[in-house]
Amino acid sequence: MHTYRILLTHESEGGYTVNVPSLPGCITYGDNIDLAIEMSKEAIEGYIEVLKEQGEAVPDDNGTLEYSLTLGS
């Protein structure tokens, strides 16, 4: 079981770009949040499949803790 953090960025023209930080170059897009998440699953699965075919290790975010801090006046 692999865990991946995804970052969704709302685009000014609409929709969301999705980045998977632990998989360099694994980027996708969806017209809405639900579609963006679904597309990220497909992108991650394809990325992992290629890594396995090439005999490379599969990185993930297991054991990673993440916090968001908001600072301001």
N, C-alpha and C. Protein backbone atom coordinates (compact mmCIF):
# COMPACT_ATOMS: atom_id res chain seq x y z
N MET A 1 0.84 -1.18 0.00
CA MET A 1 0.00 0.00 0.00
C MET A 1 0.89 1.24 0.00
N HIS A 2 0.65 2.13 -0.92
CA HIS A 2 1.42 3.36 -1.04
C HIS A 2 0.51 4.56 -0.74
N THR A 3 1.07 5.55 -0.08
CA THR A 3 0.36 6.78 0.23
C THR A 3 1.03 7.93 -0.51
N TYR A 4 0.21 8.77 -1.15
CA TYR A 4 0.75 9.91 -1.89
C TYR A 4 0.03 11.19 -1.52
N ARG A 5 0.82 12.22 -1.31
CA ARG A 5 0.29 13.56 -1.08
C ARG A 5 0.10 14.20 -2.45
N ILE A 6 -1.05 14.80 -2.68
CA ILE A 6 -1.29 15.51 -3.93
C ILE A 6 -1.57 16.97 -3.62
N LEU A 7 -1.11 17.84 -4.49
CA LEU A 7 -1.33 19.27 -4.34
C LEU A 7 -2.20 19.75 -5.49
N LEU A 8 -3.35 20.31 -5.17
CA LEU A 8 -4.27 20.82 -6.17
C LEU A 8 -4.16 22.34 -6.22
N THR A 9 -3.94 22.86 -7.40
CA THR A 9 -3.84 24.30 -7.60
C THR A 9 -4.98 24.75 -8.49
N HIS A 10 -5.82 25.66 -7.98
CA HIS A 10 -6.93 26.18 -8.78
C HIS A 10 -6.37 27.09 -9.87
N GLU A 11 -6.75 26.84 -11.10
CA GLU A 11 -6.26 27.62 -12.23
C GLU A 11 -7.21 28.77 -12.54
N SER A 12 -6.67 29.90 -12.95
CA SER A 12 -7.48 31.09 -13.21
C SER A 12 -8.51 30.85 -14.31
N GLU A 13 -8.20 30.00 -15.28
CA GLU A 13 -9.14 29.70 -16.36
C GLU A 13 -10.14 28.62 -15.97
N GLY A 14 -9.99 28.10 -14.76
CA GLY A 14 -10.89 27.05 -14.26
C GLY A 14 -10.18 25.73 -14.13
N GLY A 15 -10.71 24.87 -13.32
CA GLY A 15 -10.14 23.55 -13.14
C GLY A 15 -8.97 23.57 -12.17
N TYR A 16 -8.37 22.39 -12.01
CA TYR A 16 -7.30 22.21 -11.03
C TYR A 16 -6.15 21.42 -11.63
N THR A 17 -4.94 21.92 -11.43
CA THR A 17 -3.74 21.18 -11.77
C THR A 17 -3.32 20.41 -10.53
N VAL A 18 -2.93 19.15 -10.73
CA VAL A 18 -2.53 18.29 -9.61
C VAL A 18 -1.06 17.92 -9.76
N ASN A 19 -0.30 18.09 -8.70
CA ASN A 19 1.10 17.71 -8.61
C ASN A 19 1.25 16.62 -7.56
N VAL A 20 2.10 15.64 -7.84
CA VAL A 20 2.41 14.59 -6.87
C VAL A 20 3.89 14.76 -6.52
N PRO A 21 4.19 15.46 -5.42
CA PRO A 21 5.59 15.82 -5.11
C PRO A 21 6.57 14.66 -5.04
N SER A 22 6.15 13.51 -4.54
CA SER A 22 7.10 12.40 -4.40
C SER A 22 7.35 11.66 -5.72
N LEU A 23 6.60 12.02 -6.77
CA LEU A 23 6.80 11.42 -8.09
C LEU A 23 7.09 12.55 -9.08
N PRO A 24 8.36 12.91 -9.24
CA PRO A 24 8.73 14.04 -10.10
C PRO A 24 8.14 13.93 -11.50
N GLY A 25 7.48 15.01 -11.92
CA GLY A 25 6.89 15.04 -13.25
C GLY A 25 5.50 14.44 -13.33
N CYS A 26 4.99 13.93 -12.22
CA CYS A 26 3.64 13.35 -12.19
C CYS A 26 2.66 14.50 -11.95
N ILE A 27 2.11 15.00 -13.05
CA ILE A 27 1.22 16.16 -13.03
C ILE A 27 0.01 15.83 -13.90
N THR A 28 -1.17 16.24 -13.45
CA THR A 28 -2.38 16.03 -14.23
C THR A 28 -3.33 17.18 -13.98
N TYR A 29 -4.53 17.08 -14.54
CA TYR A 29 -5.49 18.19 -14.49
C TYR A 29 -6.90 17.63 -14.44
N GLY A 30 -7.80 18.36 -13.79
CA GLY A 30 -9.22 18.01 -13.79
C GLY A 30 -10.07 19.26 -13.77
N ASP A 31 -11.23 19.20 -14.39
CA ASP A 31 -12.12 20.36 -14.47
C ASP A 31 -12.70 20.76 -13.12
N ASN A 32 -12.75 19.81 -12.18
CA ASN A 32 -13.23 20.09 -10.82
C ASN A 32 -12.41 19.25 -9.85
N ILE A 33 -12.61 19.44 -8.55
CA ILE A 33 -11.79 18.74 -7.56
C ILE A 33 -11.95 17.23 -7.66
N ASP A 34 -13.19 16.75 -7.78
CA ASP A 34 -13.40 15.30 -7.86
C ASP A 34 -12.69 14.69 -9.07
N LEU A 35 -12.81 15.35 -10.22
CA LEU A 35 -12.15 14.85 -11.43
C LEU A 35 -10.64 14.94 -11.30
N ALA A 36 -10.15 16.02 -10.70
CA ALA A 36 -8.71 16.16 -10.51
C ALA A 36 -8.16 15.03 -9.64
N ILE A 37 -8.88 14.67 -8.59
CA ILE A 37 -8.45 13.58 -7.72
C ILE A 37 -8.48 12.26 -8.48
N GLU A 38 -9.53 12.02 -9.25
CA GLU A 38 -9.63 10.79 -10.04
C GLU A 38 -8.49 10.72 -11.07
N MET A 39 -8.20 11.82 -11.72
CA MET A 39 -7.11 11.86 -12.69
C MET A 39 -5.77 11.62 -12.02
N SER A 40 -5.61 12.11 -10.78
CA SER A 40 -4.34 11.89 -10.07
C SER A 40 -4.15 10.41 -9.77
N LYS A 41 -5.22 9.71 -9.44
CA LYS A 41 -5.11 8.26 -9.20
C LYS A 41 -4.60 7.55 -10.45
N GLU A 42 -5.17 7.91 -11.60
CA GLU A 42 -4.74 7.29 -12.85
C GLU A 42 -3.29 7.63 -13.17
N ALA A 43 -2.90 8.88 -12.95
CA ALA A 43 -1.53 9.30 -13.23
C ALA A 43 -0.54 8.57 -12.33
N ILE A 44 -0.87 8.45 -11.06
CA ILE A 44 0.00 7.76 -10.10
C ILE A 44 0.14 6.29 -10.47
N GLU A 45 -0.97 5.64 -10.80
CA GLU A 45 -0.92 4.22 -11.18
C GLU A 45 -0.04 4.02 -12.41
N GLY A 46 -0.18 4.90 -13.40
CA GLY A 46 0.65 4.80 -14.61
C GLY A 46 2.12 5.03 -14.32
N TYR A 47 2.40 5.99 -13.47
CA TYR A 47 3.78 6.31 -13.09
C TYR A 47 4.42 5.11 -12.40
N ILE A 48 3.69 4.52 -11.45
CA ILE A 48 4.20 3.35 -10.71
C ILE A 48 4.44 2.19 -11.66
N GLU A 49 3.53 1.99 -12.59
CA GLU A 49 3.67 0.89 -13.55
C GLU A 49 4.97 1.03 -14.34
N VAL A 50 5.28 2.24 -14.79
CA VAL A 50 6.52 2.48 -15.54
C VAL A 50 7.75 2.24 -14.66
N LEU A 51 7.70 2.72 -13.41
CA LEU A 51 8.83 2.48 -12.50
C LEU A 51 9.09 0.99 -12.33
N LYS A 52 8.03 0.22 -12.13
CA LYS A 52 8.18 -1.23 -11.94
C LYS A 52 8.72 -1.89 -13.19
N GLU A 53 8.23 -1.48 -14.36
CA GLU A 53 8.72 -2.04 -15.63
C GLU A 53 10.22 -1.78 -15.80
N GLN A 54 10.68 -0.64 -15.30
CA GLN A 54 12.08 -0.27 -15.42
C GLN A 54 12.93 -0.79 -14.26
N GLY A 55 12.29 -1.51 -13.33
CA GLY A 55 13.01 -2.08 -12.20
C GLY A 55 13.45 -1.05 -11.17
N GLU A 56 12.78 0.07 -11.14
CA GLU A 56 13.15 1.13 -10.20
C GLU A 56 12.29 1.05 -8.93
N ALA A 57 12.82 1.63 -7.86
CA ALA A 57 12.09 1.68 -6.59
C ALA A 57 10.89 2.61 -6.74
N VAL A 58 9.83 2.29 -5.99
CA VAL A 58 8.62 3.10 -6.00
C VAL A 58 8.58 3.96 -4.74
N PRO A 59 8.84 5.27 -4.88
CA PRO A 59 8.78 6.15 -3.70
C PRO A 59 7.33 6.44 -3.31
N ASP A 60 7.14 6.82 -2.07
CA ASP A 60 5.81 7.24 -1.62
C ASP A 60 5.94 8.15 -0.42
N ASP A 61 4.82 8.56 0.13
CA ASP A 61 4.80 9.47 1.27
C ASP A 61 4.46 8.77 2.58
N ASN A 62 4.60 7.43 2.64
CA ASN A 62 4.36 6.72 3.90
C ASN A 62 5.31 7.27 4.95
N GLY A 63 4.81 7.53 6.12
CA GLY A 63 5.64 8.02 7.20
C GLY A 63 5.92 9.50 7.15
N THR A 64 5.35 10.20 6.18
CA THR A 64 5.56 11.64 6.06
C THR A 64 4.48 12.38 6.82
N LEU A 65 4.89 13.33 7.63
CA LEU A 65 3.94 14.19 8.33
C LEU A 65 3.93 15.54 7.65
N GLU A 66 2.76 16.13 7.54
CA GLU A 66 2.66 17.43 6.89
C GLU A 66 1.81 18.36 7.73
N TYR A 67 2.27 19.58 7.84
CA TYR A 67 1.55 20.60 8.58
C TYR A 67 1.47 21.84 7.71
N SER A 68 0.40 22.58 7.85
CA SER A 68 0.27 23.89 7.21
C SER A 68 0.24 24.94 8.30
N LEU A 69 1.07 25.94 8.14
CA LEU A 69 1.11 27.04 9.10
C LEU A 69 0.67 28.31 8.39
N THR A 70 -0.19 29.07 9.05
CA THR A 70 -0.59 30.36 8.52
C THR A 70 -0.03 31.43 9.44
N LEU A 71 0.77 32.32 8.86
CA LEU A 71 1.38 33.39 9.62
C LEU A 71 0.89 34.72 9.07
N GLY A 72 0.74 35.66 9.90
CA GLY A 72 0.32 36.96 9.43
C GLY A 72 0.14 37.92 10.58
N SER A 73 -0.06 39.14 10.22
CA SER A 73 -0.22 40.19 11.23
C SER A 73 -1.63 40.23 11.76
